[in-house]
Amino acid sequence: MTLETAPYDPAEFLGDEETIAAYLTEALKSDDPRIIAKALGAVARAKGGMAQLARDTGIAREALYRALGDSGNPELGTALKVMHALGVRLTASMVA
């Protein structure tokens, strides 16, 4: 018996602001730029897609795909523009 799988896209499950905030919070806790970039990409897909994000940020769609893809490592300025366009604000807290 062969096990069949389907591609998993977290964007399909990011239907409300609370879920998006929790998802990004967990990604940020990883301290891994690739995980954070992929999470931002998933949120972008959930909130209208890369074409809309490109219009909102002024960053070329192809550049967004590269920055927020599997091997993405966006510069801080790019990540901040993306977050702003997605309606996400970073906050700081001290680690115990």
PDB file of N, CA and C in Angstrom:
ATOM      1  N   MET A   1       0.838  -1.177   0.000  1.00  0.00           N
ATOM      2  CA  MET A   1       0.000   0.000   0.000  1.00  0.00           C
ATOM      3  C   MET A   1       0.884   1.241   0.000  1.00  0.00           C
ATOM      4  N   THR A   2       0.638   2.144  -0.936  1.00  0.00           N
ATOM      5  CA  THR A   2       1.418   3.360  -1.074  1.00  0.00           C
ATOM      6  C   THR A   2       0.721   4.500  -0.351  1.00  0.00           C
ATOM      7  N   LEU A   3       1.507   5.213   0.408  1.00  0.00           N
ATOM      8  CA  LEU A   3       0.981   6.378   1.120  1.00  0.00           C
ATOM      9  C   LEU A   3       1.063   7.585   0.204  1.00  0.00           C
ATOM     10  N   GLU A   4      -0.066   8.216  -0.021  1.00  0.00           N
ATOM     11  CA  GLU A   4      -0.088   9.413  -0.847  1.00  0.00           C
ATOM     12  C   GLU A   4      -0.134  10.637   0.051  1.00  0.00           C
ATOM     13  N   THR A   5       0.653  11.625  -0.310  1.00  0.00           N
ATOM     14  CA  THR A   5       0.677  12.868   0.452  1.00  0.00           C
ATOM     15  C   THR A   5       0.370  14.040  -0.480  1.00  0.00           C
ATOM     16  N   ALA A   6       0.006  15.114   0.106  1.00  0.00           N
ATOM     17  CA  ALA A   6      -0.268  16.339  -0.643  1.00  0.00           C
ATOM     18  C   ALA A   6       0.629  17.438  -0.101  1.00  0.00           C
ATOM     19  N   PRO A   7       0.988  18.369  -0.946  1.00  0.00           N
ATOM     20  CA  PRO A   7       1.813  19.485  -0.455  1.00  0.00           C
ATOM     21  C   PRO A   7       1.081  20.236   0.658  1.00  0.00           C
ATOM     22  N   TYR A   8       1.835  20.669   1.649  1.00  0.00           N
ATOM     23  CA  TYR A   8       1.275  21.420   2.774  1.00  0.00           C
ATOM     24  C   TYR A   8       1.589  22.896   2.579  1.00  0.00           C
ATOM     25  N   ASP A   9       0.579  23.722   2.613  1.00  0.00           N
ATOM     26  CA  ASP A   9       0.771  25.163   2.531  1.00  0.00           C
ATOM     27  C   ASP A   9       0.113  25.795   3.747  1.00  0.00           C
ATOM     28  N   PRO A  10       0.914  26.304   4.679  1.00  0.00           N
ATOM     29  CA  PRO A  10       0.336  26.903   5.881  1.00  0.00           C
ATOM     30  C   PRO A  10      -0.584  28.076   5.580  1.00  0.00           C
ATOM     31  N   ALA A  11      -0.431  28.703   4.427  1.00  0.00           N
ATOM     32  CA  ALA A  11      -1.282  29.849   4.078  1.00  0.00           C
ATOM     33  C   ALA A  11      -2.757  29.460   4.082  1.00  0.00           C
ATOM     34  N   GLU A  12      -3.038  28.192   3.801  1.00  0.00           N
ATOM     35  CA  GLU A  12      -4.423  27.728   3.774  1.00  0.00           C
ATOM     36  C   GLU A  12      -5.083  27.785   5.157  1.00  0.00           C
ATOM     37  N   PHE A  13      -4.279  27.833   6.207  1.00  0.00           N
ATOM     38  CA  PHE A  13      -4.799  27.791   7.569  1.00  0.00           C
ATOM     39  C   PHE A  13      -4.676  29.134   8.291  1.00  0.00           C
ATOM     40  N   LEU A  14      -4.214  30.143   7.593  1.00  0.00           N
ATOM     41  CA  LEU A  14      -4.017  31.461   8.198  1.00  0.00           C
ATOM     42  C   LEU A  14      -5.178  32.377   7.825  1.00  0.00           C
ATOM     43  N   GLY A  15      -6.341  32.062   8.368  1.00  0.00           N
ATOM     44  CA  GLY A  15      -7.554  32.759   7.973  1.00  0.00           C
ATOM     45  C   GLY A  15      -7.946  33.951   8.820  1.00  0.00           C
ATOM     46  N   ASP A  16      -7.277  34.155   9.954  1.00  0.00           N
ATOM     47  CA  ASP A  16      -7.655  35.297  10.798  1.00  0.00           C
ATOM     48  C   ASP A  16      -6.409  35.897  11.439  1.00  0.00           C
ATOM     49  N   GLU A  17      -6.564  37.101  11.938  1.00  0.00           N
ATOM     50  CA  GLU A  17      -5.429  37.863  12.476  1.00  0.00           C
ATOM     51  C   GLU A  17      -4.776  37.165  13.676  1.00  0.00           C
ATOM     52  N   GLU A  18      -5.580  36.557  14.526  1.00  0.00           N
ATOM     53  CA  GLU A  18      -5.039  35.880  15.710  1.00  0.00           C
ATOM     54  C   GLU A  18      -4.151  34.702  15.307  1.00  0.00           C
ATOM     55  N   THR A  19      -4.587  33.936  14.340  1.00  0.00           N
ATOM     56  CA  THR A  19      -3.803  32.789  13.870  1.00  0.00           C
ATOM     57  C   THR A  19      -2.518  33.256  13.200  1.00  0.00           C
ATOM     58  N   ILE A  20      -2.613  34.318  12.402  1.00  0.00           N
ATOM     59  CA  ILE A  20      -1.426  34.870  11.750  1.00  0.00           C
ATOM     60  C   ILE A  20      -0.422  35.343  12.791  1.00  0.00           C
ATOM     61  N   ALA A  21      -0.888  36.058  13.803  1.00  0.00           N
ATOM     62  CA  ALA A  21       0.004  36.562  14.850  1.00  0.00           C
ATOM     63  C   ALA A  21       0.683  35.411  15.588  1.00  0.00           C
ATOM     64  N   ALA A  22      -0.064  34.370  15.915  1.00  0.00           N
ATOM     65  CA  ALA A  22       0.514  33.216  16.611  1.00  0.00           C
ATOM     66  C   ALA A  22       1.532  32.508  15.730  1.00  0.00           C
ATOM     67  N   TYR A  23       1.228  32.367  14.448  1.00  0.00           N
ATOM     68  CA  TYR A  23       2.132  31.705  13.507  1.00  0.00           C
ATOM     69  C   TYR A  23       3.446  32.466  13.388  1.00  0.00           C
ATOM     70  N   LEU A  24       3.359  33.783  13.212  1.00  0.00           N
ATOM     71  CA  LEU A  24       4.576  34.587  13.094  1.00  0.00           C
ATOM     72  C   LEU A  24       5.358  34.617  14.403  1.00  0.00           C
ATOM     73  N   THR A  25       4.669  34.630  15.526  1.00  0.00           N
ATOM     74  CA  THR A  25       5.349  34.612  16.824  1.00  0.00           C
ATOM     75  C   THR A  25       6.190  33.350  16.956  1.00  0.00           C
ATOM     76  N   GLU A  26       5.630  32.219  16.586  1.00  0.00           N
ATOM     77  CA  GLU A  26       6.383  30.956  16.657  1.00  0.00           C
ATOM     78  C   GLU A  26       7.561  30.963  15.695  1.00  0.00           C
ATOM     79  N   ALA A  27       7.376  31.519  14.504  1.00  0.00           N
ATOM     80  CA  ALA A  27       8.479  31.603  13.543  1.00  0.00           C
ATOM     81  C   ALA A  27       9.603  32.473  14.089  1.00  0.00           C
ATOM     82  N   LEU A  28       9.248  33.598  14.698  1.00  0.00           N
ATOM     83  CA  LEU A  28      10.259  34.491  15.267  1.00  0.00           C
ATOM     84  C   LEU A  28      11.013  33.843  16.420  1.00  0.00           C
ATOM     85  N   LYS A  29      10.346  33.000  17.173  1.00  0.00           N
ATOM     86  CA  LYS A  29      11.011  32.302  18.285  1.00  0.00           C
ATOM     87  C   LYS A  29      12.095  31.358  17.796  1.00  0.00           C
ATOM     88  N   SER A  30      12.025  30.940  16.549  1.00  0.00           N
ATOM     89  CA  SER A  30      13.000  29.996  16.010  1.00  0.00           C
ATOM     90  C   SER A  30      14.386  30.622  15.866  1.00  0.00           C
ATOM     91  N   ASP A  31      14.455  31.937  15.729  1.00  0.00           N
ATOM     92  CA  ASP A  31      15.708  32.654  15.481  1.00  0.00           C
ATOM     93  C   ASP A  31      16.376  32.224  14.173  1.00  0.00           C
ATOM     94  N   ASP A  32      15.636  31.587  13.284  1.00  0.00           N
ATOM     95  CA  ASP A  32      16.168  31.128  12.009  1.00  0.00           C
ATOM     96  C   ASP A  32      15.597  32.014  10.899  1.00  0.00           C
ATOM     97  N   PRO A  33      16.454  32.789  10.225  1.00  0.00           N
ATOM     98  CA  PRO A  33      15.959  33.703   9.192  1.00  0.00           C
ATOM     99  C   PRO A  33      15.167  33.004   8.093  1.00  0.00           C
ATOM    100  N   ARG A  34      15.531  31.770   7.761  1.00  0.00           N
ATOM    101  CA  ARG A  34      14.812  31.051   6.711  1.00  0.00           C
ATOM    102  C   ARG A  34      13.391  30.708   7.144  1.00  0.00           C
ATOM    103  N   ILE A  35      13.218  30.318   8.395  1.00  0.00           N
ATOM    104  CA  ILE A  35      11.880  30.002   8.904  1.00  0.00           C
ATOM    105  C   ILE A  35      11.034  31.268   8.964  1.00  0.00           C
ATOM    106  N   ILE A  36      11.619  32.356   9.408  1.00  0.00           N
ATOM    107  CA  ILE A  36      10.896  33.628   9.482  1.00  0.00           C
ATOM    108  C   ILE A  36      10.493  34.086   8.081  1.00  0.00           C
ATOM    109  N   ALA A  37      11.416  33.991   7.127  1.00  0.00           N
ATOM    110  CA  ALA A  37      11.119  34.396   5.751  1.00  0.00           C
ATOM    111  C   ALA A  37       9.996  33.548   5.168  1.00  0.00           C
ATOM    112  N   LYS A  38      10.056  32.240   5.375  1.00  0.00           N
ATOM    113  CA  LYS A  38       8.996  31.364   4.859  1.00  0.00           C
ATOM    114  C   LYS A  38       7.653  31.676   5.511  1.00  0.00           C
ATOM    115  N   ALA A  39       7.665  32.003   6.802  1.00  0.00           N
ATOM    116  CA  ALA A  39       6.426  32.349   7.498  1.00  0.00           C
ATOM    117  C   ALA A  39       5.838  33.638   6.924  1.00  0.00           C
ATOM    118  N   LEU A  40       6.680  34.621   6.664  1.00  0.00           N
ATOM    119  CA  LEU A  40       6.199  35.863   6.052  1.00  0.00           C
ATOM    120  C   LEU A  40       5.619  35.592   4.674  1.00  0.00           C
ATOM    121  N   GLY A  41       6.246  34.694   3.924  1.00  0.00           N
ATOM    122  CA  GLY A  41       5.722  34.320   2.610  1.00  0.00           C
ATOM    123  C   GLY A  41       4.359  33.663   2.715  1.00  0.00           C
ATOM    124  N   ALA A  42       4.193  32.791   3.705  1.00  0.00           N
ATOM    125  CA  ALA A  42       2.900  32.128   3.902  1.00  0.00           C
ATOM    126  C   ALA A  42       1.823  33.151   4.252  1.00  0.00           C
ATOM    127  N   VAL A  43       2.160  34.105   5.107  1.00  0.00           N
ATOM    128  CA  VAL A  43       1.191  35.147   5.474  1.00  0.00           C
ATOM    129  C   VAL A  43       0.852  35.990   4.250  1.00  0.00           C
ATOM    130  N   ALA A  44       1.854  36.295   3.443  1.00  0.00           N
ATOM    131  CA  ALA A  44       1.599  37.072   2.223  1.00  0.00           C
ATOM    132  C   ALA A  44       0.631  36.335   1.304  1.00  0.00           C
ATOM    133  N   ARG A  45       0.828  35.030   1.138  1.00  0.00           N
ATOM    134  CA  ARG A  45      -0.090  34.252   0.297  1.00  0.00           C
ATOM    135  C   ARG A  45      -1.490  34.235   0.895  1.00  0.00           C
ATOM    136  N   ALA A  46      -1.572  34.155   2.208  1.00  0.00           N
ATOM    137  CA  ALA A  46      -2.882  34.120   2.873  1.00  0.00           C
ATOM    138  C   ALA A  46      -3.616  35.450   2.753  1.00  0.00           C
ATOM    139  N   LYS A  47      -2.865  36.535   2.645  1.00  0.00           N
ATOM    140  CA  LYS A  47      -3.483  37.869   2.641  1.00  0.00           C
ATOM    141  C   LYS A  47      -3.562  38.500   1.254  1.00  0.00           C
ATOM    142  N   GLY A  48      -3.530  37.693   0.221  1.00  0.00           N
ATOM    143  CA  GLY A  48      -3.740  38.275  -1.101  1.00  0.00           C
ATOM    144  C   GLY A  48      -2.689  37.932  -2.127  1.00  0.00           C
ATOM    145  N   GLY A  49      -1.590  37.333  -1.728  1.00  0.00           N
ATOM    146  CA  GLY A  49      -0.591  36.886  -2.688  1.00  0.00           C
ATOM    147  C   GLY A  49       0.571  37.834  -2.876  1.00  0.00           C
ATOM    148  N   MET A  50       1.564  37.324  -3.585  1.00  0.00           N
ATOM    149  CA  MET A  50       2.800  38.067  -3.798  1.00  0.00           C
ATOM    150  C   MET A  50       2.606  39.275  -4.712  1.00  0.00           C
ATOM    151  N   ALA A  51       1.708  39.168  -5.682  1.00  0.00           N
ATOM    152  CA  ALA A  51       1.490  40.305  -6.571  1.00  0.00           C
ATOM    153  C   ALA A  51       0.967  41.502  -5.781  1.00  0.00           C
ATOM    154  N   GLN A  52       0.022  41.252  -4.889  1.00  0.00           N
ATOM    155  CA  GLN A  52      -0.503  42.328  -4.046  1.00  0.00           C
ATOM    156  C   GLN A  52       0.573  42.871  -3.119  1.00  0.00           C
ATOM    157  N   LEU A  53       1.369  41.968  -2.543  1.00  0.00           N
ATOM    158  CA  LEU A  53       2.448  42.400  -1.650  1.00  0.00           C
ATOM    159  C   LEU A  53       3.473  43.233  -2.416  1.00  0.00           C
ATOM    160  N   ALA A  54       3.762  42.854  -3.657  1.00  0.00           N
ATOM    161  CA  ALA A  54       4.704  43.628  -4.476  1.00  0.00           C
ATOM    162  C   ALA A  54       4.173  45.044  -4.686  1.00  0.00           C
ATOM    163  N   ARG A  55       2.884  45.159  -4.960  1.00  0.00           N
ATOM    164  CA  ARG A  55       2.294  46.506  -5.130  1.00  0.00           C
ATOM    165  C   ARG A  55       2.377  47.297  -3.828  1.00  0.00           C
ATOM    166  N   ASP A  56       2.086  46.639  -2.719  1.00  0.00           N
ATOM    167  CA  ASP A  56       2.055  47.339  -1.430  1.00  0.00           C
ATOM    168  C   ASP A  56       3.438  47.750  -0.936  1.00  0.00           C
ATOM    169  N   THR A  57       4.470  46.974  -1.293  1.00  0.00           N
ATOM    170  CA  THR A  57       5.826  47.262  -0.800  1.00  0.00           C
ATOM    171  C   THR A  57       6.694  48.012  -1.790  1.00  0.00           C
ATOM    172  N   GLY A  58       6.348  47.934  -3.068  1.00  0.00           N
ATOM    173  CA  GLY A  58       7.207  48.521  -4.090  1.00  0.00           C
ATOM    174  C   GLY A  58       8.402  47.642  -4.407  1.00  0.00           C
ATOM    175  N   ILE A  59       8.372  46.399  -3.967  1.00  0.00           N
ATOM    176  CA  ILE A  59       9.442  45.438  -4.228  1.00  0.00           C
ATOM    177  C   ILE A  59       8.960  44.506  -5.338  1.00  0.00           C
ATOM    178  N   ALA A  60       9.831  44.223  -6.301  1.00  0.00           N
ATOM    179  CA  ALA A  60       9.447  43.354  -7.415  1.00  0.00           C
ATOM    180  C   ALA A  60       8.985  41.989  -6.903  1.00  0.00           C
ATOM    181  N   ARG A  61       7.960  41.467  -7.546  1.00  0.00           N
ATOM    182  CA  ARG A  61       7.392  40.174  -7.142  1.00  0.00           C
ATOM    183  C   ARG A  61       8.456  39.075  -7.145  1.00  0.00           C
ATOM    184  N   GLU A  62       9.316  39.062  -8.144  1.00  0.00           N
ATOM    185  CA  GLU A  62      10.360  38.047  -8.228  1.00  0.00           C
ATOM    186  C   GLU A  62      11.327  38.149  -7.043  1.00  0.00           C
ATOM    187  N   ALA A  63      11.635  39.379  -6.657  1.00  0.00           N
ATOM    188  CA  ALA A  63      12.522  39.587  -5.510  1.00  0.00           C
ATOM    189  C   ALA A  63      11.862  39.103  -4.225  1.00  0.00           C
ATOM    190  N   LEU A  64      10.555  39.299  -4.117  1.00  0.00           N
ATOM    191  CA  LEU A  64       9.835  38.806  -2.938  1.00  0.00           C
ATOM    192  C   LEU A  64       9.848  37.282  -2.892  1.00  0.00           C
ATOM    193  N   TYR A  65       9.633  36.644  -4.040  1.00  0.00           N
ATOM    194  CA  TYR A  65       9.686  35.181  -4.077  1.00  0.00           C
ATOM    195  C   TYR A  65      11.049  34.674  -3.617  1.00  0.00           C
ATOM    196  N   ARG A  66      12.119  35.340  -4.074  1.00  0.00           N
ATOM    197  CA  ARG A  66      13.473  34.928  -3.663  1.00  0.00           C
ATOM    198  C   ARG A  66      13.691  35.162  -2.167  1.00  0.00           C
ATOM    199  N   ALA A  67      13.273  36.320  -1.687  1.00  0.00           N
ATOM    200  CA  ALA A  67      13.523  36.671  -0.282  1.00  0.00           C
ATOM    201  C   ALA A  67      12.688  35.835   0.679  1.00  0.00           C
ATOM    202  N   LEU A  68      11.470  35.481   0.276  1.00  0.00           N
ATOM    203  CA  LEU A  68      10.553  34.793   1.185  1.00  0.00           C
ATOM    204  C   LEU A  68      10.378  33.320   0.848  1.00  0.00           C
ATOM    205  N   GLY A  69      11.229  32.800  -0.012  1.00  0.00           N
ATOM    206  CA  GLY A  69      11.136  31.401  -0.424  1.00  0.00           C
ATOM    207  C   GLY A  69      11.899  30.467   0.491  1.00  0.00           C
ATOM    208  N   ASP A  70      12.047  29.222   0.049  1.00  0.00           N
ATOM    209  CA  ASP A  70      12.681  28.174   0.855  1.00  0.00           C
ATOM    210  C   ASP A  70      14.089  28.529   1.323  1.00  0.00           C
ATOM    211  N   SER A  71      14.869  29.167   0.474  1.00  0.00           N
ATOM    212  CA  SER A  71      16.234  29.511   0.868  1.00  0.00           C
ATOM    213  C   SER A  71      16.381  31.005   1.114  1.00  0.00           C
ATOM    214  N   GLY A  72      15.262  31.677   1.313  1.00  0.00           N
ATOM    215  CA  GLY A  72      15.275  33.123   1.486  1.00  0.00           C
ATOM    216  C   GLY A  72      15.950  33.574   2.767  1.00  0.00           C
ATOM    217  N   ASN A  73      16.557  34.733   2.681  1.00  0.00           N
ATOM    218  CA  ASN A  73      17.199  35.369   3.823  1.00  0.00           C
ATOM    219  C   ASN A  73      17.125  36.874   3.577  1.00  0.00           C
ATOM    220  N   PRO A  74      15.925  37.462   3.711  1.00  0.00           N
ATOM    221  CA  PRO A  74      15.764  38.872   3.343  1.00  0.00           C
ATOM    222  C   PRO A  74      16.546  39.797   4.277  1.00  0.00           C
ATOM    223  N   GLU A  75      16.954  40.916   3.708  1.00  0.00           N
ATOM    224  CA  GLU A  75      17.575  41.940   4.533  1.00  0.00           C
ATOM    225  C   GLU A  75      16.513  42.505   5.462  1.00  0.00           C
ATOM    226  N   LEU A  76      16.950  43.087   6.553  1.00  0.00           N
ATOM    227  CA  LEU A  76      16.016  43.617   7.547  1.00  0.00           C
ATOM    228  C   LEU A  76      15.062  44.632   6.932  1.00  0.00           C
ATOM    229  N   GLY A  77      15.584  45.500   6.074  1.00  0.00           N
ATOM    230  CA  GLY A  77      14.725  46.505   5.440  1.00  0.00           C
ATOM    231  C   GLY A  77      13.610  45.875   4.630  1.00  0.00           C
ATOM    232  N   THR A  78      13.921  44.814   3.911  1.00  0.00           N
ATOM    233  CA  THR A  78      12.906  44.106   3.131  1.00  0.00           C
ATOM    234  C   THR A  78      11.881  43.472   4.059  1.00  0.00           C
ATOM    235  N   ALA A  79      12.357  42.803   5.094  1.00  0.00           N
ATOM    236  CA  ALA A  79      11.449  42.155   6.044  1.00  0.00           C
ATOM    237  C   ALA A  79      10.533  43.181   6.702  1.00  0.00           C
ATOM    238  N   LEU A  80      11.067  44.336   7.058  1.00  0.00           N
ATOM    239  CA  LEU A  80      10.244  45.368   7.689  1.00  0.00           C
ATOM    240  C   LEU A  80       9.198  45.930   6.729  1.00  0.00           C
ATOM    241  N   LYS A  81       9.565  46.125   5.454  1.00  0.00           N
ATOM    242  CA  LYS A  81       8.594  46.585   4.462  1.00  0.00           C
ATOM    243  C   LYS A  81       7.477  45.565   4.299  1.00  0.00           C
ATOM    244  N   VAL A  82       7.854  44.296   4.237  1.00  0.00           N
ATOM    245  CA  VAL A  82       6.863  43.228   4.091  1.00  0.00           C
ATOM    246  C   VAL A  82       5.941  43.211   5.297  1.00  0.00           C
ATOM    247  N   MET A  83       6.511  43.268   6.494  1.00  0.00           N
ATOM    248  CA  MET A  83       5.685  43.245   7.705  1.00  0.00           C
ATOM    249  C   MET A  83       4.733  44.428   7.745  1.00  0.00           C
ATOM    250  N   HIS A  84       5.238  45.594   7.405  1.00  0.00           N
ATOM    251  CA  HIS A  84       4.380  46.783   7.403  1.00  0.00           C
ATOM    252  C   HIS A  84       3.215  46.605   6.425  1.00  0.00           C
ATOM    253  N   ALA A  85       3.516  46.111   5.225  1.00  0.00           N
ATOM    254  CA  ALA A  85       2.469  45.908   4.222  1.00  0.00           C
ATOM    255  C   ALA A  85       1.453  44.861   4.666  1.00  0.00           C
ATOM    256  N   LEU A  86       1.898  43.892   5.455  1.00  0.00           N
ATOM    257  CA  LEU A  86       0.999  42.845   5.946  1.00  0.00           C
ATOM    258  C   LEU A  86       0.249  43.254   7.209  1.00  0.00           C
ATOM    259  N   GLY A  87       0.579  44.427   7.741  1.00  0.00           N
ATOM    260  CA  GLY A  87      -0.082  44.881   8.962  1.00  0.00           C
ATOM    261  C   GLY A  87       0.483  44.246  10.213  1.00  0.00           C
ATOM    262  N   VAL A  88       1.753  43.857  10.151  1.00  0.00           N
ATOM    263  CA  VAL A  88       2.413  43.192  11.282  1.00  0.00           C
ATOM    264  C   VAL A  88       3.372  44.174  11.928  1.00  0.00           C
ATOM    265  N   ARG A  89       3.353  44.216  13.258  1.00  0.00           N
ATOM    266  CA  ARG A  89       4.275  45.075  14.000  1.00  0.00           C
ATOM    267  C   ARG A  89       5.094  44.200  14.929  1.00  0.00           C
ATOM    268  N   LEU A  90       6.402  44.412  14.936  1.00  0.00           N
ATOM    269  CA  LEU A  90       7.274  43.690  15.860  1.00  0.00           C
ATOM    270  C   LEU A  90       7.275  44.383  17.220  1.00  0.00           C
ATOM    271  N   THR A  91       7.331  43.605  18.259  1.00  0.00           N
ATOM    272  CA  THR A  91       7.499  44.154  19.593  1.00  0.00           C
ATOM    273  C   THR A  91       8.653  43.414  20.251  1.00  0.00           C
ATOM    274  N   ALA A  92       9.276  44.064  21.211  1.00  0.00           N
ATOM    275  CA  ALA A  92      10.412  43.456  21.897  1.00  0.00           C
ATOM    276  C   ALA A  92      10.005  43.039  23.301  1.00  0.00           C
ATOM    277  N   SER A  93      10.572  41.941  23.740  1.00  0.00           N
ATOM    278  CA  SER A  93      10.413  41.511  25.126  1.00  0.00           C
ATOM    279  C   SER A  93      11.719  40.886  25.565  1.00  0.00           C
ATOM    280  N   MET A  94      11.995  40.964  26.830  1.00  0.00           N
ATOM    281  CA  MET A  94      13.245  40.428  27.359  1.00  0.00           C
ATOM    282  C   MET A  94      13.103  38.917  27.552  1.00  0.00           C
ATOM    283  N   VAL A  95      14.154  38.207  27.191  1.00  0.00           N
ATOM    284  CA  VAL A  95      14.179  36.760  27.344  1.00  0.00           C
ATOM    285  C   VAL A  95      14.693  36.446  28.734  1.00  0.00           C
ATOM    286  N   ALA A  96      13.959  35.626  29.437  1.00  0.00           N
ATOM    287  CA  ALA A  96      14.351  35.291  30.815  1.00  0.00           C
ATOM    288  C   ALA A  96      15.442  34.249  30.827  1.00  0.00           C
TER     289      ALA A  96
END
